[in-house]
Amino acid sequence: MQDLVIQDVDQYFFPKRSSVNTEGEKISLACNYFRFENLTTNKQQFYKYTVDFVPNLPSDSNKLRRALWSKARQELETQVGPHFFNNTTISCQKLITDEFSVKIQPKKEGGEEYTLIIKHTNVIQPNSSEAVSFYKNFFNQLLRKRKFVQIRRNYFEPKKAHILKNFGDLELWPGFNASVNIINKEIYLNINAIYKVLRQETALIVIQSLKKKSSKTEDFQQEVQEYFKNISVLTRYNNDKNYIISKVDFDRSPQDTFETKTGPISFMEYFQKKYGYQIKETSQPLLISFDKKKPDKEICLIPEMCFMTGLTDDMRANFNLMKEMGNITKGNALQKVDECKNMISSLLEQQKCKEEVDKWGITLNCKPVEIKGLKLDVGNMIMAKQQGGKGNRISFSIDNTKDIDRTVQQEMYSQPPIKSLAVSLIL
């Protein structure tokens, strides 16, 4: 490909960068970004180490790596202090230039002995992707201490739920999603306030409802599979744990058995012994989910013990319900900022989180980042002339008119008559 050479530059017009607007009222704007800060005035320094295992472990053995690290953790902390382990690396605040090792003795006689070899590699630069990863680990550690309910990548607080008494005790859980970002060479937490709907309707009720609407067994089972695919359900018997459903197993029921350390046991007997719950519908199918950390591990759930989340189409069509939910979820800008501030404050005030903050010397500033902005004058809206078509046109300020919807309900500036209409139909 040949380069294009412009001989006479003067005959061409090139776009120019638009100038920065300076007109308007200067205002301060609050963002949903919160700055990570040090507890002391001293600049924090973080270091990265590689972790090699002897004998060598295959690249896909993360489970074994974490198990071995867990056994060596106490000794590692005496060497490098608090640290984050990421399967092949360690990040911490202490510098040790010399290579060192930690041996892990086998539990059983004749078992294999492992050695962890730790070697310093580099200083983590404050505005690098490694620094972002470090602060992510720190924030995730706080979340684990606070024990939020995690649903996909979002975190919720059931204890602060809003109960909608007039709509079947529907629950609205306040929560947030967050990310760590570098902006202007500083690390910030971006947080968004969100809500999760929890219904009092169980998965069994949904299955029974679909069965009533279907005439054929095959169609009914297919409809159930499609309905529950990737649906989020919640179980109350194990501290509000969330599961993503992969499929519905119609070949098994609570009467079936599964293997335990003490031998086979039925699902009915298991839940009766462990949770004191007597399963009522014995022929219901099982909901199947898979463990996030162990993708090959199948988790069987009982539909009558699983509560549905999210809104149905009927709920979305209910004006009164959506209005009441909107009063909670659709606050103004100030309320949204306060929600984010309160979430961070509640996180940092928890005792175990305080200990984590003191241990690392890192905290979050509860005050949102402020930026300077300009509020532009939107001007006036001009309508038709005064009544009778005489005098000046009606004009009002868009910015200062509170009831603008009612004000514009008069003759427009120009209303040409529509003498004919054309309808175009595209198939």
Foldseek 3Di string as FASTA:
>chain_A
DDDDDDDDPVVDDDDDDDDDDDDFDKDKDFALKWFKDFLDPDDAWKFKKWKAKPVGDDPPPQVVLVVVCVQCVVVVCVPQNDWDDDSTMIMGRRDDQDKDKDKDDDPDPPDDIMMIIIHTDDIDQQQDPVVQVVVVVLVVVLCVVVDFADDPQKTWDQVPWDFDVVPQRKTKTKTWGWGWHADPSGIIIRIFIDIKIWHPDFQVNVLVVLVVVDDDPVVSQVVSFVVQAQFWWWFPQPPTHIFGFHGWAQPDWQQDWDADPVGIDGNQVVCCVPRVDHDDDGNGIWTWGADPVGRVDIDTHHRVRITGIDDDPVQVVDPVNVVVVCVVGVDDPVVRLVSSLVVQVVSCPDPVNVVSCVSRSMGIDSGGDMDMDRDDQPAKFWAACDPPRDDGTDIDGPVPDDPVVVVPPDHGNDDDDDPDDDDDDDD
